[in-house]
Structure formats: structure tokens, C-alpha cells
Amino acid sequence: MGRRKRYSAEFKRQALRRCNEPGVTDALVAEELGVSTRQLRRWRDAVTEHGEADAFPGHGKARDDEVARLKRELKKVTEERDFLKEAARYFARESK
């Protein structure tokens, strides 16, 4: 089985605009573009639910960058916490 094909947000918007033209059916557009009518319905549902601007947020580099940044931040905070625990133990021993 091959990888899933990914379509850009602009491709999806243009496909939906084409579906809305007079005399054009979803089946015709699906055949022209090589996608299923079910896929067109999913895209239309996304636009209905989220609005055209937010319907296809996409994934990729921006999300990966954020995950990497959060992992770095977590590592730093964990190291700081561990250091403070050690310091608290050290000073607790010294005060006895």
C-alpha cells in the first residue's frame, strides 16, 4: 500500500469552488481531479464546520518546530528542578 496523497489547502478550496459552479457535479470534479466524492464531502464539511480560512490548517514544519521547542524547554525545566532538589538536600544536610 502506498503513502497517502496530500493536497494543499488551495487545491481543496479550488476543488470546492469548482463543485459549486452551475451544472457541475461532485462526481465530475472528483473524476477530473482523481479524488473520491467522499473526500470532496469531507473537505466541504471541514469548510462548513471551521470556515474557509481555518478549514485546512495543515501540518508540518511549524508544528515540528513547536514540538522541538517544547521538548528543549521541558529538558531545561527538568534540569533546573533536579538541580534545585539536589541543592535543597545539600542545604538540609548542612543545617543539621
N, C-alpha and C. Protein backbone atom coordinates (compact mmCIF):
# COMPACT_ATOMS: atom_id res chain seq x y z
N MET A 1 0.83 -1.17 0.00
CA MET A 1 0.00 0.00 0.00
C MET A 1 0.88 1.24 0.00
N GLY A 2 0.57 2.23 -0.84
CA GLY A 2 1.38 3.43 -0.95
C GLY A 2 1.04 4.45 0.11
N ARG A 3 1.81 5.51 0.07
CA ARG A 3 1.56 6.59 1.01
C ARG A 3 0.31 7.35 0.61
N ARG A 4 -0.31 7.95 1.60
CA ARG A 4 -1.50 8.75 1.36
C ARG A 4 -1.10 10.02 0.62
N LYS A 5 -1.90 10.41 -0.35
CA LYS A 5 -1.61 11.62 -1.09
C LYS A 5 -2.12 12.81 -0.29
N ARG A 6 -1.34 13.87 -0.25
CA ARG A 6 -1.72 15.07 0.48
C ARG A 6 -1.97 16.19 -0.52
N TYR A 7 -3.01 16.93 -0.26
CA TYR A 7 -3.39 18.03 -1.14
C TYR A 7 -3.25 19.35 -0.38
N SER A 8 -2.83 20.38 -1.09
CA SER A 8 -2.68 21.68 -0.46
C SER A 8 -4.04 22.28 -0.15
N ALA A 9 -4.05 23.22 0.76
CA ALA A 9 -5.30 23.88 1.12
C ALA A 9 -5.89 24.60 -0.09
N GLU A 10 -5.03 25.20 -0.91
CA GLU A 10 -5.53 25.91 -2.09
C GLU A 10 -6.16 24.94 -3.09
N PHE A 11 -5.57 23.77 -3.26
CA PHE A 11 -6.14 22.75 -4.15
C PHE A 11 -7.54 22.39 -3.68
N LYS A 12 -7.70 22.18 -2.37
CA LYS A 12 -9.00 21.80 -1.82
C LYS A 12 -10.03 22.91 -2.04
N ARG A 13 -9.61 24.17 -1.80
CA ARG A 13 -10.53 25.29 -1.99
C ARG A 13 -10.96 25.41 -3.46
N GLN A 14 -10.02 25.25 -4.37
CA GLN A 14 -10.35 25.33 -5.79
C GLN A 14 -11.28 24.19 -6.19
N ALA A 15 -11.06 23.01 -5.66
CA ALA A 15 -11.93 21.88 -5.97
C ALA A 15 -13.35 22.17 -5.51
N LEU A 16 -13.49 22.74 -4.32
CA LEU A 16 -14.82 23.05 -3.79
C LEU A 16 -15.48 24.18 -4.59
N ARG A 17 -14.68 25.16 -5.02
CA ARG A 17 -15.24 26.23 -5.88
C ARG A 17 -15.76 25.64 -7.18
N ARG A 18 -14.99 24.70 -7.74
CA ARG A 18 -15.40 24.05 -9.00
C ARG A 18 -16.70 23.28 -8.79
N CYS A 19 -16.86 22.64 -7.64
CA CYS A 19 -18.09 21.89 -7.34
C CYS A 19 -19.30 22.81 -7.27
N ASN A 20 -19.08 24.05 -6.88
CA ASN A 20 -20.19 25.00 -6.72
C ASN A 20 -20.59 25.68 -8.02
N GLU A 21 -19.87 25.44 -9.10
CA GLU A 21 -20.22 26.04 -10.38
C GLU A 21 -21.51 25.41 -10.89
N PRO A 22 -22.34 26.19 -11.61
CA PRO A 22 -23.60 25.66 -12.13
C PRO A 22 -23.35 24.53 -13.14
N GLY A 23 -24.11 23.48 -13.01
CA GLY A 23 -24.03 22.35 -13.95
C GLY A 23 -22.89 21.39 -13.69
N VAL A 24 -22.15 21.60 -12.61
CA VAL A 24 -21.02 20.73 -12.29
C VAL A 24 -21.37 19.89 -11.07
N THR A 25 -21.16 18.59 -11.17
CA THR A 25 -21.47 17.70 -10.06
C THR A 25 -20.20 17.33 -9.30
N ASP A 26 -20.38 16.88 -8.08
CA ASP A 26 -19.24 16.42 -7.29
C ASP A 26 -18.54 15.26 -7.99
N ALA A 27 -19.32 14.38 -8.58
CA ALA A 27 -18.75 13.21 -9.26
C ALA A 27 -17.85 13.63 -10.41
N LEU A 28 -18.27 14.65 -11.15
CA LEU A 28 -17.47 15.14 -12.28
C LEU A 28 -16.15 15.72 -11.79
N VAL A 29 -16.21 16.54 -10.76
CA VAL A 29 -14.99 17.16 -10.22
C VAL A 29 -14.08 16.09 -9.64
N ALA A 30 -14.65 15.14 -8.93
CA ALA A 30 -13.85 14.06 -8.34
C ALA A 30 -13.12 13.29 -9.43
N GLU A 31 -13.82 13.01 -10.52
CA GLU A 31 -13.19 12.28 -11.62
C GLU A 31 -12.08 13.11 -12.27
N GLU A 32 -12.34 14.40 -12.47
CA GLU A 32 -11.33 15.28 -13.08
C GLU A 32 -10.07 15.36 -12.24
N LEU A 33 -10.23 15.41 -10.92
CA LEU A 33 -9.09 15.62 -10.02
C LEU A 33 -8.48 14.32 -9.52
N GLY A 34 -9.18 13.21 -9.70
CA GLY A 34 -8.65 11.93 -9.24
C GLY A 34 -8.82 11.73 -7.74
N VAL A 35 -9.88 12.31 -7.19
CA VAL A 35 -10.19 12.09 -5.77
C VAL A 35 -11.57 11.48 -5.68
N SER A 36 -11.93 11.01 -4.50
CA SER A 36 -13.26 10.41 -4.35
C SER A 36 -14.28 11.48 -3.99
N THR A 37 -15.53 11.19 -4.27
CA THR A 37 -16.60 12.12 -3.89
C THR A 37 -16.68 12.21 -2.37
N ARG A 38 -16.35 11.14 -1.70
CA ARG A 38 -16.33 11.16 -0.23
C ARG A 38 -15.30 12.17 0.28
N GLN A 39 -14.16 12.22 -0.38
CA GLN A 39 -13.12 13.17 0.01
C GLN A 39 -13.62 14.61 -0.18
N LEU A 40 -14.28 14.86 -1.28
CA LEU A 40 -14.85 16.19 -1.51
C LEU A 40 -15.85 16.56 -0.42
N ARG A 41 -16.66 15.59 0.00
CA ARG A 41 -17.63 15.84 1.08
C ARG A 41 -16.92 16.17 2.38
N ARG A 42 -15.82 15.47 2.67
CA ARG A 42 -15.06 15.75 3.89
C ARG A 42 -14.51 17.16 3.86
N TRP A 43 -13.98 17.57 2.70
CA TRP A 43 -13.45 18.92 2.58
C TRP A 43 -14.56 19.95 2.76
N ARG A 44 -15.72 19.68 2.17
CA ARG A 44 -16.86 20.60 2.29
C ARG A 44 -17.31 20.68 3.75
N ASP A 45 -17.36 19.54 4.43
CA ASP A 45 -17.74 19.53 5.85
C ASP A 45 -16.75 20.33 6.69
N ALA A 46 -15.46 20.24 6.37
CA ALA A 46 -14.45 20.99 7.11
C ALA A 46 -14.66 22.49 6.93
N VAL A 47 -14.99 22.91 5.71
CA VAL A 47 -15.24 24.33 5.45
C VAL A 47 -16.50 24.78 6.19
N THR A 48 -17.52 23.95 6.19
CA THR A 48 -18.76 24.28 6.89
C THR A 48 -18.52 24.41 8.39
N GLU A 49 -17.73 23.50 8.94
CA GLU A 49 -17.50 23.48 10.38
C GLU A 49 -16.56 24.59 10.85
N HIS A 50 -15.49 24.83 10.11
CA HIS A 50 -14.44 25.75 10.58
C HIS A 50 -14.37 27.07 9.83
N GLY A 51 -15.09 27.19 8.73
CA GLY A 51 -14.97 28.39 7.90
C GLY A 51 -13.85 28.18 6.89
N GLU A 52 -13.91 28.91 5.79
CA GLU A 52 -12.95 28.67 4.71
C GLU A 52 -11.52 28.98 5.12
N ALA A 53 -11.32 30.00 5.93
CA ALA A 53 -9.97 30.40 6.31
C ALA A 53 -9.29 29.37 7.21
N ASP A 54 -10.05 28.73 8.10
CA ASP A 54 -9.47 27.82 9.09
C ASP A 54 -9.71 26.35 8.79
N ALA A 55 -10.31 26.04 7.66
CA ALA A 55 -10.71 24.66 7.37
C ALA A 55 -9.52 23.72 7.18
N PHE A 56 -8.46 24.19 6.58
CA PHE A 56 -7.34 23.31 6.24
C PHE A 56 -6.05 23.88 6.84
N PRO A 57 -5.83 23.69 8.14
CA PRO A 57 -4.67 24.30 8.77
C PRO A 57 -3.34 23.69 8.35
N GLY A 58 -3.38 22.43 7.94
CA GLY A 58 -2.15 21.78 7.52
C GLY A 58 -1.29 21.37 8.70
N HIS A 59 -0.28 20.60 8.43
CA HIS A 59 0.65 20.13 9.44
C HIS A 59 2.02 20.18 8.80
N GLY A 60 3.00 20.08 9.62
CA GLY A 60 4.33 20.05 9.04
C GLY A 60 5.32 20.85 9.83
N LYS A 61 6.13 21.62 9.15
CA LYS A 61 7.28 22.28 9.74
C LYS A 61 6.95 23.12 10.97
N ALA A 62 5.93 23.95 10.90
CA ALA A 62 5.60 24.81 12.03
C ALA A 62 5.29 23.98 13.27
N ARG A 63 4.53 22.92 13.10
CA ARG A 63 4.19 22.06 14.23
C ARG A 63 5.44 21.33 14.73
N ASP A 64 6.29 20.86 13.82
CA ASP A 64 7.51 20.17 14.21
C ASP A 64 8.43 21.10 14.98
N ASP A 65 8.53 22.35 14.54
CA ASP A 65 9.36 23.34 15.23
C ASP A 65 8.85 23.58 16.64
N GLU A 66 7.54 23.66 16.77
CA GLU A 66 6.95 23.89 18.09
C GLU A 66 7.21 22.70 19.02
N VAL A 67 7.08 21.49 18.51
CA VAL A 67 7.33 20.30 19.32
C VAL A 67 8.79 20.29 19.76
N ALA A 68 9.72 20.59 18.87
CA ALA A 68 11.14 20.61 19.22
C ALA A 68 11.41 21.68 20.27
N ARG A 69 10.81 22.86 20.12
CA ARG A 69 10.99 23.94 21.09
C ARG A 69 10.47 23.52 22.47
N LEU A 70 9.29 22.88 22.49
CA LEU A 70 8.71 22.45 23.75
C LEU A 70 9.54 21.36 24.42
N LYS A 71 10.13 20.47 23.63
CA LYS A 71 11.00 19.43 24.19
C LYS A 71 12.24 20.05 24.82
N ARG A 72 12.83 21.06 24.13
CA ARG A 72 14.00 21.74 24.69
C ARG A 72 13.64 22.43 26.00
N GLU A 73 12.50 23.09 26.01
CA GLU A 73 12.05 23.80 27.20
C GLU A 73 11.80 22.82 28.35
N LEU A 74 11.18 21.69 28.05
CA LEU A 74 10.92 20.68 29.08
C LEU A 74 12.23 20.16 29.67
N LYS A 75 13.21 19.91 28.81
CA LYS A 75 14.51 19.41 29.27
C LYS A 75 15.16 20.42 30.21
N LYS A 76 15.12 21.69 29.82
CA LYS A 76 15.73 22.75 30.65
C LYS A 76 15.04 22.84 32.01
N VAL A 77 13.72 22.84 32.00
CA VAL A 77 12.96 22.95 33.26
C VAL A 77 13.20 21.72 34.13
N THR A 78 13.29 20.55 33.54
CA THR A 78 13.56 19.33 34.30
C THR A 78 14.95 19.39 34.94
N GLU A 79 15.94 19.87 34.20
CA GLU A 79 17.29 20.01 34.76
C GLU A 79 17.30 21.01 35.91
N GLU A 80 16.60 22.12 35.75
CA GLU A 80 16.52 23.12 36.82
C GLU A 80 15.87 22.53 38.07
N ARG A 81 14.79 21.79 37.88
CA ARG A 81 14.10 21.16 39.01
C ARG A 81 15.03 20.19 39.74
N ASP A 82 15.74 19.36 38.97
CA ASP A 82 16.64 18.38 39.58
C ASP A 82 17.77 19.08 40.34
N PHE A 83 18.28 20.17 39.79
CA PHE A 83 19.33 20.93 40.46
C PHE A 83 18.82 21.49 41.78
N LEU A 84 17.62 22.04 41.77
CA LEU A 84 17.05 22.61 42.99
C LEU A 84 16.80 21.54 44.05
N LYS A 85 16.39 20.35 43.63
CA LYS A 85 16.20 19.24 44.58
C LYS A 85 17.53 18.89 45.25
N GLU A 86 18.58 18.80 44.44
CA GLU A 86 19.91 18.49 44.98
C GLU A 86 20.37 19.58 45.94
N ALA A 87 20.14 20.83 45.58
CA ALA A 87 20.55 21.94 46.44
C ALA A 87 19.78 21.90 47.75
N ALA A 88 18.51 21.59 47.71
CA ALA A 88 17.71 21.52 48.93
C ALA A 88 18.23 20.41 49.84
N ARG A 89 18.59 19.26 49.26
CA ARG A 89 19.15 18.16 50.05
C ARG A 89 20.48 18.56 50.68
N TYR A 90 21.31 19.23 49.89
CA TYR A 90 22.64 19.65 50.37
C TYR A 90 22.49 20.60 51.56
N PHE A 91 21.64 21.61 51.43
CA PHE A 91 21.49 22.59 52.49
C PHE A 91 20.76 21.99 53.71
N ALA A 92 19.92 21.02 53.51
CA ALA A 92 19.26 20.34 54.62
C ALA A 92 20.29 19.57 55.44
N ARG A 93 21.26 18.95 54.77
CA ARG A 93 22.34 18.23 55.47
C ARG A 93 23.23 19.20 56.22
N GLU A 94 23.55 20.33 55.60
CA GLU A 94 24.44 21.32 56.20
C GLU A 94 23.84 21.94 57.45
N SER A 95 22.52 22.09 57.49
CA SER A 95 21.90 22.76 58.64
C SER A 95 21.80 21.88 59.87
N LYS A 96 22.03 20.58 59.73
CA LYS A 96 21.92 19.66 60.89
C LYS A 96 23.14 19.70 61.74
